[in-house]
Every structure is written in structure tokens, then in C-alpha cells.
Amino acid sequence: MSLNDFLMLLLTAGGAAAVASWVLERMKWYKAIVDPENKRWVFFGVCAVLAVGAFCVITFVPAAILLAIAPYFAIIASVFASVFLGTSFHNTDKLSASGTVANPIITADVASKVAKAIASEITKVSE
């Protein structure tokens, strides 16, 4: 995924919500919010900031700057995918007490395909 693709994803309600959900669910302060209405408003605010922020970057940041930082984004995206997909794979691949895979959500085949796709995107950016 290129920087522009990521920014376009954030512009959509679903993309902003997916990113906000992933980030917020890892924050202790967010999990500690008891009132569902307050939690909904915090989530809405984060989604709005992500979407409007992506729009501002696409609209106001010169294309030359976005092009200059694209390789760094590709590297960070690759490391992110490697760390978090690897962690997810590791967590789902743990053996249960009976010796069977406890949660086979991410298979080695899927992880391999994701790694190849990321490598392909990095190659595109660096060309």
C-alpha cells in the first residue's frame, strides 16, 4: 500500500474507523471509558481527525514532499505489517493443550502472501 493509497483509505469512513478502532483498542485509557456514549464520541472524534487530517495532507502538502516521504512510508508500513502480522500469526499459532492449533486465523500461506505483497509495494516505491 502506497502512502497515497493509505491516505485515500483514511478518507473513507470505513478506513478511518478501521484505523481508529485498531489504535484505540490498544489504549488503556480508551478501554477504561465505561460510558458507551462517551466511548462512541471519542471514537467519532478520532475517526473525524484521521479523515480530515488525510484530506488536508492530500490537499495542502505539495506532491514533491509526498513523493519524497513515500519510501519512508513504505519501510514503516512493511515493518508495521511484519511486526503486527507476525505477532498475530504467533498468537494464533500457539498450540492448545491437546496439541492442535488453538486459533488458526492467519495461516502460514496467508502470512507469506502478505509478505510478498508488501515486498512488491516496496519495490514499486523504490523504482
Protein backbone atom coordinates (compact mmCIF):
# COMPACT_ATOMS: atom_id res chain seq x y z
CA MET A 1 0.00 0.00 0.00
CA SER A 2 1.42 3.33 -1.05
CA LEU A 3 1.24 6.50 1.01
CA ASN A 4 -1.42 7.88 -1.32
CA ASP A 5 -3.45 4.64 -1.03
CA PHE A 6 -3.26 4.85 2.75
CA LEU A 7 -4.36 8.48 2.78
CA MET A 8 -7.25 7.66 0.44
CA LEU A 9 -8.22 4.79 2.75
CA LEU A 10 -8.29 7.19 5.70
CA LEU A 11 -10.59 9.50 3.75
CA THR A 12 -13.31 6.85 3.77
CA ALA A 13 -15.50 6.29 6.79
CA GLY A 14 -14.58 2.61 6.85
CA GLY A 15 -10.84 3.23 6.56
CA ALA A 16 -10.76 5.87 9.29
CA ALA A 17 -12.92 3.67 11.52
CA ALA A 18 -10.71 0.62 10.97
CA VAL A 19 -7.53 2.51 11.83
CA ALA A 20 -9.14 4.30 14.79
CA SER A 21 -10.55 1.05 16.13
CA TRP A 22 -7.23 -0.76 15.83
CA VAL A 23 -5.34 2.05 17.57
CA LEU A 24 -7.89 2.84 20.28
CA GLU A 25 -8.42 -0.78 21.30
CA ARG A 26 -4.75 -0.88 22.28
CA MET A 27 -5.02 2.17 24.54
CA LYS A 28 -5.71 1.54 28.23
CA TRP A 29 -7.37 4.93 28.69
CA TYR A 30 -9.84 4.14 25.91
CA LYS A 31 -10.67 0.73 27.31
CA ALA A 32 -11.22 2.37 30.70
CA ILE A 33 -14.06 4.55 29.37
CA VAL A 34 -17.15 2.94 30.90
CA ASP A 35 -19.95 5.01 29.42
CA PRO A 36 -20.69 3.70 25.89
CA GLU A 37 -21.90 7.13 24.77
CA ASN A 38 -18.61 8.76 25.80
CA LYS A 39 -16.68 5.96 24.09
CA ARG A 40 -18.70 6.48 20.90
CA TRP A 41 -17.94 10.22 20.90
CA VAL A 42 -14.22 9.63 21.43
CA PHE A 43 -14.25 7.10 18.58
CA PHE A 44 -16.15 9.53 16.35
CA GLY A 45 -13.66 12.31 17.13
CA VAL A 46 -10.64 10.15 16.32
CA CYS A 47 -12.25 8.99 13.06
CA ALA A 48 -13.02 12.59 12.09
CA VAL A 49 -9.48 13.75 12.88
CA LEU A 50 -7.98 10.92 10.82
CA ALA A 51 -10.26 11.55 7.82
CA VAL A 52 -9.90 15.35 7.86
CA GLY A 53 -6.16 15.05 8.50
CA ALA A 54 -5.75 12.76 5.49
CA PHE A 55 -7.77 15.19 3.37
CA CYS A 56 -5.56 18.09 4.48
CA VAL A 57 -2.39 16.17 3.67
CA ILE A 58 -3.65 15.24 0.20
CA THR A 59 -4.93 18.76 -0.45
CA PHE A 60 -2.24 21.01 1.03
CA VAL A 61 1.05 19.07 1.11
CA PRO A 62 2.96 19.51 -2.15
CA ALA A 63 3.23 16.38 -4.30
CA ALA A 64 7.04 16.62 -4.22
CA ILE A 65 7.04 16.25 -0.43
CA LEU A 66 4.66 13.29 -0.54
CA LEU A 67 6.86 11.69 -3.18
CA ALA A 68 9.96 12.31 -1.06
CA ILE A 69 8.48 10.65 2.04
CA ALA A 70 6.85 7.74 0.15
CA PRO A 71 9.86 5.39 0.55
CA TYR A 72 9.92 6.02 4.31
CA PHE A 73 6.20 5.27 4.50
CA ALA A 74 6.79 2.01 2.60
CA ILE A 75 9.52 0.99 5.03
CA ILE A 76 7.40 1.83 8.09
CA ALA A 77 4.37 0.06 6.59
CA SER A 78 6.50 -3.01 5.92
CA VAL A 79 7.89 -3.06 9.46
CA PHE A 80 4.39 -2.49 10.87
CA ALA A 81 2.93 -5.36 8.85
CA SER A 82 5.82 -7.63 9.76
CA VAL A 83 5.60 -6.92 13.47
CA PHE A 84 1.84 -6.92 13.89
CA LEU A 85 1.02 -9.68 11.40
CA GLY A 86 3.87 -11.72 12.83
CA THR A 87 2.54 -11.17 16.35
CA SER A 88 -0.97 -12.11 15.23
CA PHE A 89 0.34 -15.20 13.49
CA HIS A 90 2.34 -16.13 16.58
CA ASN A 91 -0.69 -15.68 18.85
CA THR A 92 -2.96 -17.76 16.63
CA ASP A 93 -0.35 -20.44 16.07
CA LYS A 94 0.10 -21.34 19.73
CA LEU A 95 -0.69 -24.95 20.39
CA SER A 96 -3.54 -25.78 22.66
CA ALA A 97 -3.20 -28.36 25.43
CA SER A 98 -4.42 -31.08 23.05
CA GLY A 99 -1.64 -30.35 20.57
CA THR A 100 -3.86 -28.74 17.95
CA VAL A 101 -3.68 -25.18 16.73
CA ALA A 102 -5.78 -23.07 19.07
CA ASN A 103 -6.92 -20.32 16.67
CA PRO A 104 -5.88 -20.90 13.04
CA ILE A 105 -6.99 -17.46 11.83
CA ILE A 106 -3.80 -16.49 9.99
CA THR A 107 -2.14 -19.38 8.21
CA ALA A 108 1.46 -19.51 7.04
CA ASP A 109 0.15 -19.25 3.46
CA VAL A 110 -1.69 -16.00 4.23
CA ALA A 111 1.33 -14.56 6.03
CA SER A 112 3.52 -15.46 3.05
CA LYS A 113 1.14 -13.78 0.60
CA VAL A 114 1.04 -10.62 2.74
CA ALA A 115 4.84 -10.52 2.96
CA LYS A 116 5.11 -10.87 -0.84
CA ALA A 117 2.56 -8.10 -1.40
CA ILE A 118 4.47 -5.78 0.95
CA ALA A 119 7.77 -6.56 -0.78
CA SER A 120 6.12 -5.82 -4.13
CA GLU A 121 4.89 -2.42 -2.90
CA ILE A 122 8.34 -1.51 -1.56
CA THR A 123 9.84 -2.42 -4.92
CA LYS A 124 7.30 -0.22 -6.73
CA VAL A 125 8.05 2.77 -4.49
CA SER A 126 11.81 2.45 -4.84
CA GLU A 127 11.72 2.21 -8.66
